[in-house]
């Protein structure tokens, strides 16, 4: 799943560490999210959405695999 987390974080002028602290997760979790190695739980997705004041759908972009039915 693609996401705009890094873009939003940089626009706000905060580090991965600062965002992690605000969301009560590790800096490694933020890095993994930004690099697409990890998809957030629904609770974490809501926390991120509320933190940035942006709908979840604008942060996390889900594209269905064209081969799936």
PDB file of N, CA and C in Angstrom:
ATOM      1  N   UNK A   1       0.851  -1.173   0.000  1.00  0.00           N
ATOM      2  CA  UNK A   1       0.000   0.000   0.000  1.00  0.00           C
ATOM      3  C   UNK A   1       0.896   1.235   0.000  1.00  0.00           C
ATOM      4  N   UNK A   2       0.607   2.145  -0.885  1.00  0.00           N
ATOM      5  CA  UNK A   2       1.359   3.394  -0.943  1.00  0.00           C
ATOM      6  C   UNK A   2       0.836   4.332   0.141  1.00  0.00           C
ATOM      7  N   UNK A   3       1.691   5.291   0.533  1.00  0.00           N
ATOM      8  CA  UNK A   3       1.224   6.284   1.498  1.00  0.00           C
ATOM      9  C   UNK A   3       1.979   7.590   1.328  1.00  0.00           C
ATOM     10  N   UNK A   4       1.422   8.642   1.908  1.00  0.00           N
ATOM     11  CA  UNK A   4       2.004   9.985   1.841  1.00  0.00           C
ATOM     12  C   UNK A   4       2.528  10.417   3.205  1.00  0.00           C
ATOM     13  N   UNK A   5       2.847   9.457   4.047  1.00  0.00           N
ATOM     14  CA  UNK A   5       3.256   9.770   5.408  1.00  0.00           C
ATOM     15  C   UNK A   5       4.522  10.622   5.448  1.00  0.00           C
ATOM     16  N   UNK A   6       5.533  10.238   4.703  1.00  0.00           N
ATOM     17  CA  UNK A   6       6.792  10.999   4.715  1.00  0.00           C
ATOM     18  C   UNK A   6       6.557  12.428   4.229  1.00  0.00           C
ATOM     19  N   UNK A   7       5.772  12.565   3.178  1.00  0.00           N
ATOM     20  CA  UNK A   7       5.453  13.891   2.632  1.00  0.00           C
ATOM     21  C   UNK A   7       4.753  14.757   3.684  1.00  0.00           C
ATOM     22  N   UNK A   8       3.765  14.202   4.354  1.00  0.00           N
ATOM     23  CA  UNK A   8       3.041  14.950   5.382  1.00  0.00           C
ATOM     24  C   UNK A   8       3.953  15.311   6.554  1.00  0.00           C
ATOM     25  N   UNK A   9       4.790  14.372   6.948  1.00  0.00           N
ATOM     26  CA  UNK A   9       5.698  14.605   8.074  1.00  0.00           C
ATOM     27  C   UNK A   9       6.673  15.737   7.755  1.00  0.00           C
ATOM     28  N   UNK A  10       7.227  15.711   6.550  1.00  0.00           N
ATOM     29  CA  UNK A  10       8.188  16.740   6.165  1.00  0.00           C
ATOM     30  C   UNK A  10       7.530  18.108   6.026  1.00  0.00           C
ATOM     31  N   UNK A  11       6.292  18.144   5.514  1.00  0.00           N
ATOM     32  CA  UNK A  11       5.561  19.414   5.418  1.00  0.00           C
ATOM     33  C   UNK A  11       5.356  20.025   6.800  1.00  0.00           C
ATOM     34  N   UNK A  12       5.149  19.162   7.789  1.00  0.00           N
ATOM     35  CA  UNK A  12       4.926  19.622   9.162  1.00  0.00           C
ATOM     36  C   UNK A  12       6.251  19.983   9.843  1.00  0.00           C
ATOM     37  N   UNK A  13       7.362  19.580   9.219  1.00  0.00           N
ATOM     38  CA  UNK A  13       8.679  19.922   9.742  1.00  0.00           C
ATOM     39  C   UNK A  13       9.074  19.151  10.985  1.00  0.00           C
ATOM     40  N   UNK A  14       8.665  17.886  11.049  1.00  0.00           N
ATOM     41  CA  UNK A  14       9.002  17.063  12.217  1.00  0.00           C
ATOM     42  C   UNK A  14       9.813  15.848  11.792  1.00  0.00           C
ATOM     43  N   UNK A  15      10.567  15.309  12.729  1.00  0.00           N
ATOM     44  CA  UNK A  15      11.383  14.123  12.465  1.00  0.00           C
ATOM     45  C   UNK A  15      10.548  12.856  12.641  1.00  0.00           C
ATOM     46  N   UNK A  16      11.115  11.751  12.188  1.00  0.00           N
ATOM     47  CA  UNK A  16      10.461  10.456  12.420  1.00  0.00           C
ATOM     48  C   UNK A  16      10.324  10.224  13.920  1.00  0.00           C
ATOM     49  N   UNK A  17      11.332  10.595  14.680  1.00  0.00           N
ATOM     50  CA  UNK A  17      11.328  10.411  16.135  1.00  0.00           C
ATOM     51  C   UNK A  17      10.191  11.208  16.786  1.00  0.00           C
ATOM     52  N   UNK A  18      10.005  12.444  16.350  1.00  0.00           N
ATOM     53  CA  UNK A  18       8.932  13.287  16.906  1.00  0.00           C
ATOM     54  C   UNK A  18       7.554  12.715  16.576  1.00  0.00           C
ATOM     55  N   UNK A  19       7.387  12.255  15.353  1.00  0.00           N
ATOM     56  CA  UNK A  19       6.109  11.666  14.961  1.00  0.00           C
ATOM     57  C   UNK A  19       5.863  10.377  15.743  1.00  0.00           C
ATOM     58  N   UNK A  20       6.898   9.562  15.866  1.00  0.00           N
ATOM     59  CA  UNK A  20       6.775   8.311  16.614  1.00  0.00           C
ATOM     60  C   UNK A  20       6.352   8.579  18.050  1.00  0.00           C
ATOM     61  N   UNK A  21       6.960   9.570  18.660  1.00  0.00           N
ATOM     62  CA  UNK A  21       6.619   9.922  20.040  1.00  0.00           C
ATOM     63  C   UNK A  21       5.160  10.365  20.150  1.00  0.00           C
ATOM     64  N   UNK A  22       4.722  11.189  19.215  1.00  0.00           N
ATOM     65  CA  UNK A  22       3.337  11.682  19.234  1.00  0.00           C
ATOM     66  C   UNK A  22       2.333  10.547  19.048  1.00  0.00           C
ATOM     67  N   UNK A  23       2.714   9.530  18.279  1.00  0.00           N
ATOM     68  CA  UNK A  23       1.804   8.418  17.984  1.00  0.00           C
ATOM     69  C   UNK A  23       2.013   7.222  18.913  1.00  0.00           C
ATOM     70  N   UNK A  24       3.006   7.337  19.794  1.00  0.00           N
ATOM     71  CA  UNK A  24       3.330   6.283  20.754  1.00  0.00           C
ATOM     72  C   UNK A  24       3.730   4.980  20.068  1.00  0.00           C
ATOM     73  N   UNK A  25       4.596   5.124  19.050  1.00  0.00           N
ATOM     74  CA  UNK A  25       5.193   3.972  18.369  1.00  0.00           C
ATOM     75  C   UNK A  25       6.690   4.216  18.266  1.00  0.00           C
ATOM     76  N   UNK A  26       7.433   3.244  17.759  1.00  0.00           N
ATOM     77  CA  UNK A  26       8.879   3.417  17.615  1.00  0.00           C
ATOM     78  C   UNK A  26       9.206   4.189  16.336  1.00  0.00           C
ATOM     79  N   UNK A  27      10.409   4.772  16.312  1.00  0.00           N
ATOM     80  CA  UNK A  27      10.870   5.450  15.115  1.00  0.00           C
ATOM     81  C   UNK A  27      10.982   4.448  13.966  1.00  0.00           C
ATOM     82  N   UNK A  28      11.345   3.207  14.305  1.00  0.00           N
ATOM     83  CA  UNK A  28      11.460   2.168  13.284  1.00  0.00           C
ATOM     84  C   UNK A  28      10.110   1.896  12.620  1.00  0.00           C
ATOM     85  N   UNK A  29       9.038   1.970  13.393  1.00  0.00           N
ATOM     86  CA  UNK A  29       7.695   1.778  12.831  1.00  0.00           C
ATOM     87  C   UNK A  29       7.398   2.870  11.810  1.00  0.00           C
ATOM     88  N   UNK A  30       7.728   4.106  12.146  1.00  0.00           N
ATOM     89  CA  UNK A  30       7.496   5.220  11.216  1.00  0.00           C
ATOM     90  C   UNK A  30       8.325   5.010   9.948  1.00  0.00           C
ATOM     91  N   UNK A  31       9.589   4.644  10.108  1.00  0.00           N
ATOM     92  CA  UNK A  31      10.438   4.381   8.945  1.00  0.00           C
ATOM     93  C   UNK A  31       9.886   3.279   8.064  1.00  0.00           C
ATOM     94  N   UNK A  32       9.424   2.206   8.687  1.00  0.00           N
ATOM     95  CA  UNK A  32       8.856   1.085   7.934  1.00  0.00           C
ATOM     96  C   UNK A  32       7.575   1.478   7.211  1.00  0.00           C
ATOM     97  N   UNK A  33       6.762   2.303   7.852  1.00  0.00           N
ATOM     98  CA  UNK A  33       5.545   2.790   7.207  1.00  0.00           C
ATOM     99  C   UNK A  33       5.906   3.641   5.988  1.00  0.00           C
ATOM    100  N   UNK A  34       6.833   4.574   6.184  1.00  0.00           N
ATOM    101  CA  UNK A  34       7.205   5.474   5.095  1.00  0.00           C
ATOM    102  C   UNK A  34       7.811   4.722   3.911  1.00  0.00           C
ATOM    103  N   UNK A  35       8.527   3.649   4.178  1.00  0.00           N
ATOM    104  CA  UNK A  35       9.162   2.869   3.119  1.00  0.00           C
ATOM    105  C   UNK A  35       8.254   1.795   2.530  1.00  0.00           C
ATOM    106  N   UNK A  36       7.032   1.682   3.049  1.00  0.00           N
ATOM    107  CA  UNK A  36       6.089   0.715   2.517  1.00  0.00           C
ATOM    108  C   UNK A  36       6.358  -0.722   2.930  1.00  0.00           C
ATOM    109  N   UNK A  37       7.207  -0.906   3.943  1.00  0.00           N
ATOM    110  CA  UNK A  37       7.508  -2.269   4.408  1.00  0.00           C
ATOM    111  C   UNK A  37       6.471  -2.755   5.415  1.00  0.00           C
ATOM    112  N   UNK A  38       5.628  -1.846   5.877  1.00  0.00           N
ATOM    113  CA  UNK A  38       4.675  -2.169   6.939  1.00  0.00           C
ATOM    114  C   UNK A  38       3.395  -1.394   6.699  1.00  0.00           C
ATOM    115  N   UNK A  39       2.261  -2.054   6.831  1.00  0.00           N
ATOM    116  CA  UNK A  39       0.969  -1.382   6.757  1.00  0.00           C
ATOM    117  C   UNK A  39       0.452  -1.208   8.181  1.00  0.00           C
ATOM    118  N   UNK A  40      -0.110  -0.049   8.479  1.00  0.00           N
ATOM    119  CA  UNK A  40      -0.542   0.207   9.852  1.00  0.00           C
ATOM    120  C   UNK A  40      -1.793  -0.563  10.234  1.00  0.00           C
ATOM    121  N   UNK A  41      -1.934  -0.775  11.533  1.00  0.00           N
ATOM    122  CA  UNK A  41      -3.205  -1.296  12.037  1.00  0.00           C
ATOM    123  C   UNK A  41      -4.247  -0.211  11.803  1.00  0.00           C
ATOM    124  N   UNK A  42      -5.494  -0.570  11.871  1.00  0.00           N
ATOM    125  CA  UNK A  42      -6.553   0.427  11.667  1.00  0.00           C
ATOM    126  C   UNK A  42      -6.484   1.494  12.756  1.00  0.00           C
ATOM    127  N   UNK A  43      -6.126   1.112  13.966  1.00  0.00           N
ATOM    128  CA  UNK A  43      -6.020   2.088  15.064  1.00  0.00           C
ATOM    129  C   UNK A  43      -4.895   3.077  14.780  1.00  0.00           C
ATOM    130  N   UNK A  44      -3.741   2.570  14.351  1.00  0.00           N
ATOM    131  CA  UNK A  44      -2.625   3.466  14.040  1.00  0.00           C
ATOM    132  C   UNK A  44      -2.968   4.361  12.857  1.00  0.00           C
ATOM    133  N   UNK A  45      -3.653   3.831  11.865  1.00  0.00           N
ATOM    134  CA  UNK A  45      -4.064   4.638  10.714  1.00  0.00           C
ATOM    135  C   UNK A  45      -4.963   5.785  11.163  1.00  0.00           C
ATOM    136  N   UNK A  46      -5.882   5.523  12.084  1.00  0.00           N
ATOM    137  CA  UNK A  46      -6.748   6.583  12.614  1.00  0.00           C
ATOM    138  C   UNK A  46      -5.941   7.610  13.402  1.00  0.00           C
ATOM    139  N   UNK A  47      -4.975   7.147  14.196  1.00  0.00           N
ATOM    140  CA  UNK A  47      -4.128   8.073  14.968  1.00  0.00           C
ATOM    141  C   UNK A  47      -3.357   9.004  14.032  1.00  0.00           C
ATOM    142  N   UNK A  48      -2.807   8.429  12.965  1.00  0.00           N
ATOM    143  CA  UNK A  48      -2.059   9.228  11.988  1.00  0.00           C
ATOM    144  C   UNK A  48      -2.982  10.236  11.317  1.00  0.00           C
ATOM    145  N   UNK A  49      -4.159   9.788  10.934  1.00  0.00           N
ATOM    146  CA  UNK A  49      -5.152  10.652  10.304  1.00  0.00           C
ATOM    147  C   UNK A  49      -5.521  11.826  11.203  1.00  0.00           C
ATOM    148  N   UNK A  50      -5.783  11.543  12.448  1.00  0.00           N
ATOM    149  CA  UNK A  50      -6.148  12.604  13.395  1.00  0.00           C
ATOM    150  C   UNK A  50      -4.981  13.553  13.644  1.00  0.00           C
ATOM    151  N   UNK A  51      -3.777  12.999  13.744  1.00  0.00           N
ATOM    152  CA  UNK A  51      -2.599  13.821  14.010  1.00  0.00           C
ATOM    153  C   UNK A  51      -2.401  14.864  12.906  1.00  0.00           C
ATOM    154  N   UNK A  52      -2.546  14.430  11.658  1.00  0.00           N
ATOM    155  CA  UNK A  52      -2.335  15.350  10.542  1.00  0.00           C
ATOM    156  C   UNK A  52      -3.609  16.082  10.114  1.00  0.00           C
ATOM    157  N   UNK A  53      -4.771  15.680  10.630  1.00  0.00           N
ATOM    158  CA  UNK A  53      -6.026  16.315  10.258  1.00  0.00           C
ATOM    159  C   UNK A  53      -6.398  16.051   8.807  1.00  0.00           C
ATOM    160  N   UNK A  54      -6.065  14.852   8.350  1.00  0.00           N
ATOM    161  CA  UNK A  54      -6.299  14.470   6.959  1.00  0.00           C
ATOM    162  C   UNK A  54      -7.014  13.121   6.955  1.00  0.00           C
ATOM    163  N   UNK A  55      -7.998  12.920   6.063  1.00  0.00           N
ATOM    164  CA  UNK A  55      -8.671  11.622   5.997  1.00  0.00           C
ATOM    165  C   UNK A  55      -7.692  10.483   5.700  1.00  0.00           C
ATOM    166  N   UNK A  56      -7.960   9.327   6.260  1.00  0.00           N
ATOM    167  CA  UNK A  56      -7.103   8.155   6.062  1.00  0.00           C
ATOM    168  C   UNK A  56      -6.855   7.909   4.570  1.00  0.00           C
ATOM    169  N   UNK A  57      -7.902   8.062   3.750  1.00  0.00           N
ATOM    170  CA  UNK A  57      -7.784   7.771   2.314  1.00  0.00           C
ATOM    171  C   UNK A  57      -6.795   8.697   1.614  1.00  0.00           C
ATOM    172  N   UNK A  58      -6.524   9.872   2.201  1.00  0.00           N
ATOM    173  CA  UNK A  58      -5.561  10.793   1.599  1.00  0.00           C
ATOM    174  C   UNK A  58      -4.131  10.472   2.024  1.00  0.00           C
ATOM    175  N   UNK A  59      -3.976   9.657   3.057  1.00  0.00           N
ATOM    176  CA  UNK A  59      -2.643   9.288   3.535  1.00  0.00           C
ATOM    177  C   UNK A  59      -2.234   7.935   2.970  1.00  0.00           C
ATOM    178  N   UNK A  60      -3.152   6.975   3.053  1.00  0.00           N
ATOM    179  CA  UNK A  60      -2.876   5.609   2.617  1.00  0.00           C
ATOM    180  C   UNK A  60      -3.674   5.304   1.362  1.00  0.00           C
ATOM    181  N   UNK A  61      -2.951   4.937   0.299  1.00  0.00           N
ATOM    182  CA  UNK A  61      -3.581   4.706  -0.994  1.00  0.00           C
ATOM    183  C   UNK A  61      -3.564   3.215  -1.298  1.00  0.00           C
ATOM    184  N   UNK A  62      -4.741   2.617  -1.246  1.00  0.00           N
ATOM    185  CA  UNK A  62      -4.859   1.181  -1.521  1.00  0.00           C
ATOM    186  C   UNK A  62      -5.236   0.998  -2.972  1.00  0.00           C
ATOM    187  N   UNK A  63      -4.428   0.221  -3.683  1.00  0.00           N
ATOM    188  CA  UNK A  63      -4.722  -0.103  -5.074  1.00  0.00           C
ATOM    189  C   UNK A  63      -4.858  -1.604  -5.169  1.00  0.00           C
ATOM    190  N   UNK A  64      -6.034  -2.045  -5.597  1.00  0.00           N
ATOM    191  CA  UNK A  64      -6.247  -3.490  -5.725  1.00  0.00           C
ATOM    192  C   UNK A  64      -5.394  -4.032  -6.851  1.00  0.00           C
ATOM    193  N   UNK A  65      -4.872  -5.213  -6.636  1.00  0.00           N
ATOM    194  CA  UNK A  65      -4.090  -5.887  -7.668  1.00  0.00           C
ATOM    195  C   UNK A  65      -5.033  -6.224  -8.817  1.00  0.00           C
ATOM    196  N   UNK A  66      -4.651  -5.851 -10.006  1.00  0.00           N
ATOM    197  CA  UNK A  66      -5.507  -6.107 -11.163  1.00  0.00           C
ATOM    198  C   UNK A  66      -5.727  -7.593 -11.410  1.00  0.00           C
ATOM    199  N   UNK A  67      -4.835  -8.439 -10.875  1.00  0.00           N
ATOM    200  CA  UNK A  67      -4.974  -9.871 -11.072  1.00  0.00           C
ATOM    201  C   UNK A  67      -5.922 -10.521 -10.075  1.00  0.00           C
ATOM    202  N   UNK A  68      -6.267  -9.794  -9.020  1.00  0.00           N
ATOM    203  CA  UNK A  68      -7.177 -10.352  -8.002  1.00  0.00           C
ATOM    204  C   UNK A  68      -8.616 -10.174  -8.451  1.00  0.00           C
ATOM    205  N   UNK A  69      -9.446 -11.112  -8.072  1.00  0.00           N
ATOM    206  CA  UNK A  69     -10.865 -11.001  -8.394  1.00  0.00           C
ATOM    207  C   UNK A  69     -11.693 -11.163  -7.163  1.00  0.00           C
TER     208      UNK A  69
END
